[in-house]
């Protein structure tokens, strides 16, 4: 993809999610709007994505915006004292859950390219008095984090929105410490996406037309240098994906998946 095309897509996504942050997904006040609820913003469905009732109730009000396609916490296996980086943190939902697991000795960094989302997440952190969480404005292709400074990278339904996925994985590899790991929930392509979706900006922002095939993601990760790469389709999320564009059959072309990988390095015992 040409740089100009990538920039255009990135700007489209940034604008879309800036609106989400400002309005909470409501279209009220939009020009030519019928004011129907945003199908992507359904926080009540988080329990169907693998989050527990306790997790959903443990974060500040407004942090759970219903923008995910899975639960990266379920595969991250976070430990006290670890440093966690969330790619595309939104309102901070997964960051706040991670903060509870890594404890006061740990640290959580949320990165988002939308200033409105960062402002929302910071306000949520203030309301919840989270002292071990910070939010940084930046693109996931060029992370505002030092080399080898992070133990775990999590992300929830965001990498599909990047027009430069190879660069996302390359920069993730850069900031991970040796032995660090990826724990990602994202949308992957499982069928030939029709032209009506591929040429539709709403479908791109809606986590459909930017999805990559499983084989392509596996290759990108391995070529970057990651080891132990696993990608697992989560068929139980199919009904939720069908609701993103009701009646379109989008669930036949994309699916939710968990993605795990490790940056090879020595273990803590030095072996």
C-alpha atoms as a PDB file:
ATOM      1  CA  UNK A   1       0.000   0.000   0.000  1.00  0.00           C
ATOM      2  CA  UNK A   2       1.281   3.451  -0.924  1.00  0.00           C
ATOM      3  CA  UNK A   3       2.084   5.881   1.939  1.00  0.00           C
ATOM      4  CA  UNK A   4      -0.634   8.293   0.830  1.00  0.00           C
ATOM      5  CA  UNK A   5      -3.239   5.522   0.862  1.00  0.00           C
ATOM      6  CA  UNK A   6      -2.074   4.417   4.328  1.00  0.00           C
ATOM      7  CA  UNK A   7      -2.312   7.955   5.646  1.00  0.00           C
ATOM      8  CA  UNK A   8      -5.813   8.344   4.240  1.00  0.00           C
ATOM      9  CA  UNK A   9      -7.002   5.146   5.921  1.00  0.00           C
ATOM     10  CA  UNK A  10      -5.341   6.130   9.188  1.00  0.00           C
ATOM     11  CA  UNK A  11      -7.019   9.541   9.123  1.00  0.00           C
ATOM     12  CA  UNK A  12     -10.383   7.916   8.419  1.00  0.00           C
ATOM     13  CA  UNK A  13     -10.004   5.596  11.401  1.00  0.00           C
ATOM     14  CA  UNK A  14      -8.797   8.427  13.635  1.00  0.00           C
ATOM     15  CA  UNK A  15     -11.808  10.544  12.718  1.00  0.00           C
ATOM     16  CA  UNK A  16     -14.224   7.659  13.272  1.00  0.00           C
ATOM     17  CA  UNK A  17     -12.952   6.842  16.748  1.00  0.00           C
ATOM     18  CA  UNK A  18     -12.625  10.484  17.734  1.00  0.00           C
ATOM     19  CA  UNK A  19     -16.368  10.677  17.175  1.00  0.00           C
ATOM     20  CA  UNK A  20     -16.846   7.527  19.236  1.00  0.00           C
ATOM     21  CA  UNK A  21     -14.880   9.068  22.112  1.00  0.00           C
ATOM     22  CA  UNK A  22     -16.833  12.325  21.951  1.00  0.00           C
ATOM     23  CA  UNK A  23     -20.316  10.852  21.653  1.00  0.00           C
ATOM     24  CA  UNK A  24     -20.007   7.395  23.117  1.00  0.00           C
ATOM     25  CA  UNK A  25     -21.104   6.042  19.745  1.00  0.00           C
ATOM     26  CA  UNK A  26     -24.353   7.951  19.543  1.00  0.00           C
ATOM     27  CA  UNK A  27     -25.018   9.470  16.131  1.00  0.00           C
ATOM     28  CA  UNK A  28     -27.306  12.131  17.585  1.00  0.00           C
ATOM     29  CA  UNK A  29     -26.468  15.480  16.068  1.00  0.00           C
ATOM     30  CA  UNK A  30     -24.828  13.988  12.997  1.00  0.00           C
ATOM     31  CA  UNK A  31     -25.858  15.269   9.590  1.00  0.00           C
ATOM     32  CA  UNK A  32     -28.403  13.066   7.780  1.00  0.00           C
ATOM     33  CA  UNK A  33     -28.449  10.691  10.733  1.00  0.00           C
ATOM     34  CA  UNK A  34     -31.278   8.394  11.732  1.00  0.00           C
ATOM     35  CA  UNK A  35     -29.761   8.270  15.215  1.00  0.00           C
ATOM     36  CA  UNK A  36     -29.477   4.506  15.453  1.00  0.00           C
ATOM     37  CA  UNK A  37     -27.129   2.961  18.027  1.00  0.00           C
ATOM     38  CA  UNK A  38     -23.599   2.187  16.905  1.00  0.00           C
ATOM     39  CA  UNK A  39     -23.427  -1.611  16.400  1.00  0.00           C
ATOM     40  CA  UNK A  40     -19.783  -1.700  17.503  1.00  0.00           C
ATOM     41  CA  UNK A  41     -20.424  -0.001  20.838  1.00  0.00           C
ATOM     42  CA  UNK A  42     -22.205  -2.581  22.938  1.00  0.00           C
ATOM     43  CA  UNK A  43     -20.451  -2.810  26.309  1.00  0.00           C
ATOM     44  CA  UNK A  44     -23.117  -5.198  27.566  1.00  0.00           C
ATOM     45  CA  UNK A  45     -21.676  -7.826  25.201  1.00  0.00           C
ATOM     46  CA  UNK A  46     -18.308  -7.882  26.980  1.00  0.00           C
ATOM     47  CA  UNK A  47     -19.557 -10.812  29.049  1.00  0.00           C
ATOM     48  CA  UNK A  48     -20.034 -12.720  25.787  1.00  0.00           C
ATOM     49  CA  UNK A  49     -16.458 -11.904  24.796  1.00  0.00           C
ATOM     50  CA  UNK A  50     -15.015 -13.678  27.821  1.00  0.00           C
ATOM     51  CA  UNK A  51     -14.990 -10.983  30.478  1.00  0.00           C
ATOM     52  CA  UNK A  52     -16.461 -11.840  33.869  1.00  0.00           C
ATOM     53  CA  UNK A  53     -19.106  -9.860  35.698  1.00  0.00           C
ATOM     54  CA  UNK A  54     -16.451  -8.864  38.232  1.00  0.00           C
ATOM     55  CA  UNK A  55     -14.156  -7.526  35.492  1.00  0.00           C
ATOM     56  CA  UNK A  56     -16.928  -5.545  33.828  1.00  0.00           C
ATOM     57  CA  UNK A  57     -17.861  -3.935  37.132  1.00  0.00           C
ATOM     58  CA  UNK A  58     -14.280  -3.279  38.272  1.00  0.00           C
ATOM     59  CA  UNK A  59     -13.438  -0.435  35.873  1.00  0.00           C
ATOM     60  CA  UNK A  60     -14.524   3.223  35.896  1.00  0.00           C
ATOM     61  CA  UNK A  61     -17.845   3.973  34.242  1.00  0.00           C
ATOM     62  CA  UNK A  62     -17.338   4.635  30.535  1.00  0.00           C
ATOM     63  CA  UNK A  63     -14.060   2.706  30.269  1.00  0.00           C
ATOM     64  CA  UNK A  64     -15.760  -0.333  28.754  1.00  0.00           C
ATOM     65  CA  UNK A  65     -16.900   0.969  25.375  1.00  0.00           C
ATOM     66  CA  UNK A  66     -17.730  -2.406  23.856  1.00  0.00           C
ATOM     67  CA  UNK A  67     -15.146  -2.048  21.089  1.00  0.00           C
ATOM     68  CA  UNK A  68     -13.431  -5.431  21.447  1.00  0.00           C
ATOM     69  CA  UNK A  69     -13.748  -8.796  19.732  1.00  0.00           C
ATOM     70  CA  UNK A  70     -12.371 -10.945  22.551  1.00  0.00           C
ATOM     71  CA  UNK A  71     -10.577 -10.822  25.876  1.00  0.00           C
ATOM     72  CA  UNK A  72      -6.771 -10.597  25.703  1.00  0.00           C
ATOM     73  CA  UNK A  73      -6.643 -10.771  29.504  1.00  0.00           C
ATOM     74  CA  UNK A  74      -7.699 -14.418  29.261  1.00  0.00           C
ATOM     75  CA  UNK A  75      -4.495 -15.395  27.435  1.00  0.00           C
ATOM     76  CA  UNK A  76      -2.023 -12.824  28.759  1.00  0.00           C
ATOM     77  CA  UNK A  77      -1.271 -14.651  32.037  1.00  0.00           C
ATOM     78  CA  UNK A  78      -0.134 -11.389  33.638  1.00  0.00           C
ATOM     79  CA  UNK A  79       1.968 -11.486  36.779  1.00  0.00           C
ATOM     80  CA  UNK A  80       2.607  -8.933  39.541  1.00  0.00           C
ATOM     81  CA  UNK A  81       5.386  -6.501  38.668  1.00  0.00           C
ATOM     82  CA  UNK A  82       5.149  -6.839  34.877  1.00  0.00           C
ATOM     83  CA  UNK A  83       5.045  -3.921  32.445  1.00  0.00           C
ATOM     84  CA  UNK A  84       2.132  -4.156  30.013  1.00  0.00           C
ATOM     85  CA  UNK A  85       1.523  -2.162  26.828  1.00  0.00           C
ATOM     86  CA  UNK A  86      -1.951  -1.981  25.271  1.00  0.00           C
ATOM     87  CA  UNK A  87      -2.106  -1.224  21.535  1.00  0.00           C
ATOM     88  CA  UNK A  88      -5.138   0.945  20.807  1.00  0.00           C
ATOM     89  CA  UNK A  89      -6.287   1.375  24.389  1.00  0.00           C
ATOM     90  CA  UNK A  90      -9.510   3.283  23.714  1.00  0.00           C
ATOM     91  CA  UNK A  91     -11.138   4.292  27.000  1.00  0.00           C
ATOM     92  CA  UNK A  92      -8.713   2.151  28.982  1.00  0.00           C
ATOM     93  CA  UNK A  93     -10.841  -0.920  29.744  1.00  0.00           C
ATOM     94  CA  UNK A  94      -8.141  -3.559  29.261  1.00  0.00           C
ATOM     95  CA  UNK A  95      -5.490  -1.299  30.817  1.00  0.00           C
ATOM     96  CA  UNK A  96      -7.443  -1.018  34.051  1.00  0.00           C
ATOM     97  CA  UNK A  97      -8.000  -4.764  34.204  1.00  0.00           C
ATOM     98  CA  UNK A  98      -4.297  -5.363  33.567  1.00  0.00           C
ATOM     99  CA  UNK A  99      -3.403  -2.886  36.310  1.00  0.00           C
ATOM    100  CA  UNK A 100      -5.252  -5.014  38.841  1.00  0.00           C
ATOM    101  CA  UNK A 101      -3.197  -8.049  37.845  1.00  0.00           C
ATOM    102  CA  UNK A 102       0.281  -6.489  37.745  1.00  0.00           C
ATOM    103  CA  UNK A 103      -0.283  -4.654  41.021  1.00  0.00           C
ATOM    104  CA  UNK A 104       1.449  -1.601  42.427  1.00  0.00           C
ATOM    105  CA  UNK A 105       4.857  -2.961  41.449  1.00  0.00           C
ATOM    106  CA  UNK A 106       3.740  -3.278  37.840  1.00  0.00           C
ATOM    107  CA  UNK A 107       2.994  -0.726  35.177  1.00  0.00           C
ATOM    108  CA  UNK A 108       0.474  -0.441  32.344  1.00  0.00           C
ATOM    109  CA  UNK A 109       0.850   1.834  29.319  1.00  0.00           C
ATOM    110  CA  UNK A 110      -2.028   2.479  26.947  1.00  0.00           C
ATOM    111  CA  UNK A 111      -1.331   3.844  23.463  1.00  0.00           C
ATOM    112  CA  UNK A 112      -3.934   5.315  21.134  1.00  0.00           C
ATOM    113  CA  UNK A 113      -3.624   7.574  18.085  1.00  0.00           C
ATOM    114  CA  UNK A 114      -6.832   9.476  18.854  1.00  0.00           C
ATOM    115  CA  UNK A 115      -6.392  12.463  21.207  1.00  0.00           C
ATOM    116  CA  UNK A 116     -10.040  12.243  22.248  1.00  0.00           C
ATOM    117  CA  UNK A 117      -9.591   8.621  23.343  1.00  0.00           C
ATOM    118  CA  UNK A 118      -6.447   9.460  25.308  1.00  0.00           C
ATOM    119  CA  UNK A 119      -8.262  12.295  27.080  1.00  0.00           C
ATOM    120  CA  UNK A 120     -11.147   9.948  27.907  1.00  0.00           C
ATOM    121  CA  UNK A 121      -8.815   7.236  29.202  1.00  0.00           C
ATOM    122  CA  UNK A 122      -6.867   9.692  31.359  1.00  0.00           C
ATOM    123  CA  UNK A 123     -10.078  10.990  32.897  1.00  0.00           C
ATOM    124  CA  UNK A 124     -11.185   7.414  33.599  1.00  0.00           C
ATOM    125  CA  UNK A 125      -7.834   6.750  35.276  1.00  0.00           C
ATOM    126  CA  UNK A 126      -8.242   9.861  37.398  1.00  0.00           C
ATOM    127  CA  UNK A 127     -11.729   8.848  38.461  1.00  0.00           C
ATOM    128  CA  UNK A 128     -10.564   5.349  39.331  1.00  0.00           C
ATOM    129  CA  UNK A 129      -7.381   6.570  41.054  1.00  0.00           C
ATOM    130  CA  UNK A 130      -5.142   4.293  38.984  1.00  0.00           C
ATOM    131  CA  UNK A 131      -1.569   5.231  39.842  1.00  0.00           C
ATOM    132  CA  UNK A 132       0.142   2.459  37.864  1.00  0.00           C
ATOM    133  CA  UNK A 133      -1.483   3.282  34.506  1.00  0.00           C
ATOM    134  CA  UNK A 134      -0.526   5.943  31.979  1.00  0.00           C
ATOM    135  CA  UNK A 135      -1.815   6.783  28.521  1.00  0.00           C
ATOM    136  CA  UNK A 136       0.317   7.985  25.616  1.00  0.00           C
ATOM    137  CA  UNK A 137      -0.716   9.464  22.298  1.00  0.00           C
ATOM    138  CA  UNK A 138       0.887   7.611  19.406  1.00  0.00           C
ATOM    139  CA  UNK A 139       0.463   5.244  16.485  1.00  0.00           C
ATOM    140  CA  UNK A 140       0.802   1.515  17.013  1.00  0.00           C
ATOM    141  CA  UNK A 141       3.194   1.367  14.052  1.00  0.00           C
ATOM    142  CA  UNK A 142       5.537   3.758  15.895  1.00  0.00           C
ATOM    143  CA  UNK A 143       5.094   3.132  19.590  1.00  0.00           C
ATOM    144  CA  UNK A 144       6.051   5.826  22.116  1.00  0.00           C
ATOM    145  CA  UNK A 145       8.037   3.355  24.207  1.00  0.00           C
ATOM    146  CA  UNK A 146      11.715   2.527  24.658  1.00  0.00           C
ATOM    147  CA  UNK A 147      13.453  -0.528  23.239  1.00  0.00           C
ATOM    148  CA  UNK A 148      13.109  -3.702  25.344  1.00  0.00           C
ATOM    149  CA  UNK A 149      10.998  -1.972  27.991  1.00  0.00           C
ATOM    150  CA  UNK A 150       7.814  -4.081  28.022  1.00  0.00           C
ATOM    151  CA  UNK A 151       7.015  -7.592  29.254  1.00  0.00           C
ATOM    152  CA  UNK A 152       3.624  -8.109  27.623  1.00  0.00           C
ATOM    153  CA  UNK A 153       1.774  -6.476  24.736  1.00  0.00           C
ATOM    154  CA  UNK A 154      -2.002  -6.799  24.661  1.00  0.00           C
ATOM    155  CA  UNK A 155      -4.473  -5.523  22.082  1.00  0.00           C
ATOM    156  CA  UNK A 156      -8.169  -5.923  21.431  1.00  0.00           C
ATOM    157  CA  UNK A 157      -9.557  -5.619  17.873  1.00  0.00           C
ATOM    158  CA  UNK A 158      -7.137  -2.881  16.791  1.00  0.00           C
ATOM    159  CA  UNK A 159      -4.328  -4.284  14.623  1.00  0.00           C
ATOM    160  CA  UNK A 160      -6.809  -5.037  11.835  1.00  0.00           C
ATOM    161  CA  UNK A 161      -7.294  -1.265  11.572  1.00  0.00           C
ATOM    162  CA  UNK A 162      -3.648  -0.671  10.711  1.00  0.00           C
ATOM    163  CA  UNK A 163      -2.734  -0.417   7.007  1.00  0.00           C
ATOM    164  CA  UNK A 164       0.856  -1.401   7.925  1.00  0.00           C
ATOM    165  CA  UNK A 165       0.546  -4.524  10.044  1.00  0.00           C
ATOM    166  CA  UNK A 166       4.130  -5.637   9.414  1.00  0.00           C
ATOM    167  CA  UNK A 167       5.312  -2.377  10.987  1.00  0.00           C
ATOM    168  CA  UNK A 168       3.009  -2.909  13.972  1.00  0.00           C
ATOM    169  CA  UNK A 169       4.616  -6.270  14.680  1.00  0.00           C
ATOM    170  CA  UNK A 170       8.114  -4.928  14.038  1.00  0.00           C
ATOM    171  CA  UNK A 171       7.673  -2.146  16.581  1.00  0.00           C
ATOM    172  CA  UNK A 172       6.026  -4.505  19.052  1.00  0.00           C
ATOM    173  CA  UNK A 173       9.096  -6.721  18.734  1.00  0.00           C
ATOM    174  CA  UNK A 174      11.329  -3.700  19.341  1.00  0.00           C
ATOM    175  CA  UNK A 175       9.708  -2.639  22.609  1.00  0.00           C
ATOM    176  CA  UNK A 176       9.358  -6.143  24.057  1.00  0.00           C
ATOM    177  CA  UNK A 177      12.057  -7.449  26.356  1.00  0.00           C
ATOM    178  CA  UNK A 178      13.667 -10.783  25.446  1.00  0.00           C
ATOM    179  CA  UNK A 179      11.182 -13.398  26.541  1.00  0.00           C
ATOM    180  CA  UNK A 180       8.332 -10.884  26.245  1.00  0.00           C
ATOM    181  CA  UNK A 181       5.056 -11.962  24.700  1.00  0.00           C
ATOM    182  CA  UNK A 182       2.061 -10.899  22.640  1.00  0.00           C
ATOM    183  CA  UNK A 183      -1.500 -11.602  23.815  1.00  0.00           C
ATOM    184  CA  UNK A 184      -3.900 -10.271  21.209  1.00  0.00           C
ATOM    185  CA  UNK A 185      -7.564 -10.569  20.307  1.00  0.00           C
ATOM    186  CA  UNK A 186      -8.269  -9.433  16.768  1.00  0.00           C
ATOM    187  CA  UNK A 187     -10.321  -9.978  13.641  1.00  0.00           C
ATOM    188  CA  UNK A 188      -8.905 -12.180  10.884  1.00  0.00           C
ATOM    189  CA  UNK A 189     -10.071 -12.896   7.351  1.00  0.00           C
ATOM    190  CA  UNK A 190     -11.632 -16.327   6.863  1.00  0.00           C
ATOM    191  CA  UNK A 191     -13.225 -15.865   3.438  1.00  0.00           C
ATOM    192  CA  UNK A 192     -13.034 -13.704   0.351  1.00  0.00           C
ATOM    193  CA  UNK A 193     -14.327 -10.295   1.467  1.00  0.00           C
ATOM    194  CA  UNK A 194     -16.800  -8.941  -1.143  1.00  0.00           C
ATOM    195  CA  UNK A 195     -16.069  -5.744  -3.019  1.00  0.00           C
ATOM    196  CA  UNK A 196     -18.881  -3.942  -1.196  1.00  0.00           C
ATOM    197  CA  UNK A 197     -16.895  -4.257   2.025  1.00  0.00           C
ATOM    198  CA  UNK A 198     -13.397  -3.753   0.644  1.00  0.00           C
ATOM    199  CA  UNK A 199     -14.315  -0.375  -0.848  1.00  0.00           C
ATOM    200  CA  UNK A 200     -16.372   0.795   2.132  1.00  0.00           C
ATOM    201  CA  UNK A 201     -14.650   3.082   4.709  1.00  0.00           C
ATOM    202  CA  UNK A 202     -17.276   2.141   7.291  1.00  0.00           C
ATOM    203  CA  UNK A 203     -16.395  -1.514   6.863  1.00  0.00           C
ATOM    204  CA  UNK A 204     -12.718  -0.676   7.348  1.00  0.00           C
ATOM    205  CA  UNK A 205     -13.390   1.344  10.498  1.00  0.00           C
ATOM    206  CA  UNK A 206     -15.790  -1.405  11.539  1.00  0.00           C
ATOM    207  CA  UNK A 207     -12.982  -3.981  11.766  1.00  0.00           C
ATOM    208  CA  UNK A 208     -13.918  -5.905   8.630  1.00  0.00           C
ATOM    209  CA  UNK A 209     -12.127  -4.951   5.422  1.00  0.00           C
ATOM    210  CA  UNK A 210      -8.754  -4.406   7.112  1.00  0.00           C
ATOM    211  CA  UNK A 211      -8.601  -7.956   8.434  1.00  0.00           C
ATOM    212  CA  UNK A 212      -5.713 -10.108   7.200  1.00  0.00           C
ATOM    213  CA  UNK A 213      -5.762 -13.876   6.559  1.00  0.00           C
ATOM    214  CA  UNK A 214      -4.455 -16.137   9.328  1.00  0.00           C
ATOM    215  CA  UNK A 215      -1.625 -17.372   7.105  1.00  0.00           C
ATOM    216  CA  UNK A 216      -0.479 -13.808   6.371  1.00  0.00           C
ATOM    217  CA  UNK A 217      -0.448 -12.856  10.046  1.00  0.00           C
ATOM    218  CA  UNK A 218       1.490 -16.008  10.919  1.00  0.00           C
ATOM    219  CA  UNK A 219       4.067 -15.166   8.261  1.00  0.00           C
ATOM    220  CA  UNK A 220       4.390 -11.540   9.392  1.00  0.00           C
ATOM    221  CA  UNK A 221       5.007 -12.551  12.994  1.00  0.00           C
ATOM    222  CA  UNK A 222       7.543 -15.247  12.143  1.00  0.00           C
ATOM    223  CA  UNK A 223       9.409 -13.022   9.691  1.00  0.00           C
ATOM    224  CA  UNK A 224       9.573 -10.330  12.366  1.00  0.00           C
ATOM    225  CA  UNK A 225      11.341 -12.798  14.652  1.00  0.00           C
ATOM    226  CA  UNK A 226       8.574 -14.010  16.955  1.00  0.00           C
ATOM    227  CA  UNK A 227       8.512 -17.647  18.007  1.00  0.00           C
ATOM    228  CA  UNK A 228       5.766 -19.907  19.335  1.00  0.00           C
ATOM    229  CA  UNK A 229       3.204 -18.179  17.140  1.00  0.00           C
ATOM    230  CA  UNK A 230      -0.347 -19.467  17.598  1.00  0.00           C
ATOM    231  CA  UNK A 231      -3.578 -18.151  16.070  1.00  0.00           C
ATOM    232  CA  UNK A 232      -6.867 -19.637  17.229  1.00  0.00           C
ATOM    233  CA  UNK A 233     -10.257 -18.810  15.720  1.00  0.00           C
ATOM    234  CA  UNK A 234     -12.973 -18.127  18.324  1.00  0.00           C
ATOM    235  CA  UNK A 235     -16.233 -19.296  16.689  1.00  0.00           C
ATOM    236  CA  UNK A 236     -18.276 -18.336  19.750  1.00  0.00           C
ATOM    237  CA  UNK A 237     -17.901 -14.655  18.762  1.00  0.00           C
ATOM    238  CA  UNK A 238     -19.542 -15.252  15.354  1.00  0.00           C
ATOM    239  CA  UNK A 239     -22.959 -13.962  16.440  1.00  0.00           C
ATOM    240  CA  UNK A 240     -21.483 -10.736  17.794  1.00  0.00           C
ATOM    241  CA  UNK A 241     -19.614 -10.095  14.535  1.00  0.00           C
ATOM    242  CA  UNK A 242     -22.848 -10.709  12.615  1.00  0.00           C
ATOM    243  CA  UNK A 243     -24.356  -7.804  14.530  1.00  0.00           C
ATOM    244  CA  UNK A 244     -21.730  -5.334  13.318  1.00  0.00           C
ATOM    245  CA  UNK A 245     -23.355  -5.132   9.877  1.00  0.00           C
ATOM    246  CA  UNK A 246     -26.696  -6.913  10.352  1.00  0.00           C
ATOM    247  CA  UNK A 247     -27.936  -8.957   7.424  1.00  0.00           C
ATOM    248  CA  UNK A 248     -24.738  -8.535   5.417  1.00  0.00           C
ATOM    249  CA  UNK A 249     -23.243 -11.961   6.096  1.00  0.00           C
ATOM    250  CA  UNK A 250     -20.008 -10.387   7.342  1.00  0.00           C
ATOM    251  CA  UNK A 251     -19.584 -13.276   9.779  1.00  0.00           C
ATOM    252  CA  UNK A 252     -18.833 -15.491   6.776  1.00  0.00           C
ATOM    253  CA  UNK A 253     -15.748 -13.465   5.850  1.00  0.00           C
ATOM    254  CA  UNK A 254     -14.115 -12.500   9.156  1.00  0.00           C
ATOM    255  CA  UNK A 255     -13.808 -14.048  12.601  1.00  0.00           C
ATOM    256  CA  UNK A 256     -12.389 -13.271  16.004  1.00  0.00           C
ATOM    257  CA  UNK A 257      -9.081 -14.922  16.864  1.00  0.00           C
ATOM    258  CA  UNK A 258      -6.534 -14.986  19.640  1.00  0.00           C
ATOM    259  CA  UNK A 259      -2.918 -14.410  18.641  1.00  0.00           C
ATOM    260  CA  UNK A 260       0.028 -15.337  20.843  1.00  0.00           C
ATOM    261  CA  UNK A 261       3.759 -15.114  20.198  1.00  0.00           C
ATOM    262  CA  UNK A 262       7.029 -14.688  22.087  1.00  0.00           C
ATOM    263  CA  UNK A 263      10.169 -12.666  21.536  1.00  0.00           C
ATOM    264  CA  UNK A 264      12.848 -15.270  21.997  1.00  0.00           C
ATOM    265  CA  UNK A 265      15.218 -14.617  24.867  1.00  0.00           C
ATOM    266  CA  UNK A 266      16.747 -16.067  27.991  1.00  0.00           C
ATOM    267  CA  UNK A 267      14.506 -17.028  30.832  1.00  0.00           C
ATOM    268  CA  UNK A 268      14.862 -15.501  34.282  1.00  0.00           C
ATOM    269  CA  UNK A 269      17.175 -18.318  35.414  1.00  0.00           C
ATOM    270  CA  UNK A 270      19.676 -17.432  32.666  1.00  0.00           C
ATOM    271  CA  UNK A 271      19.387 -20.734  30.789  1.00  0.00           C
END
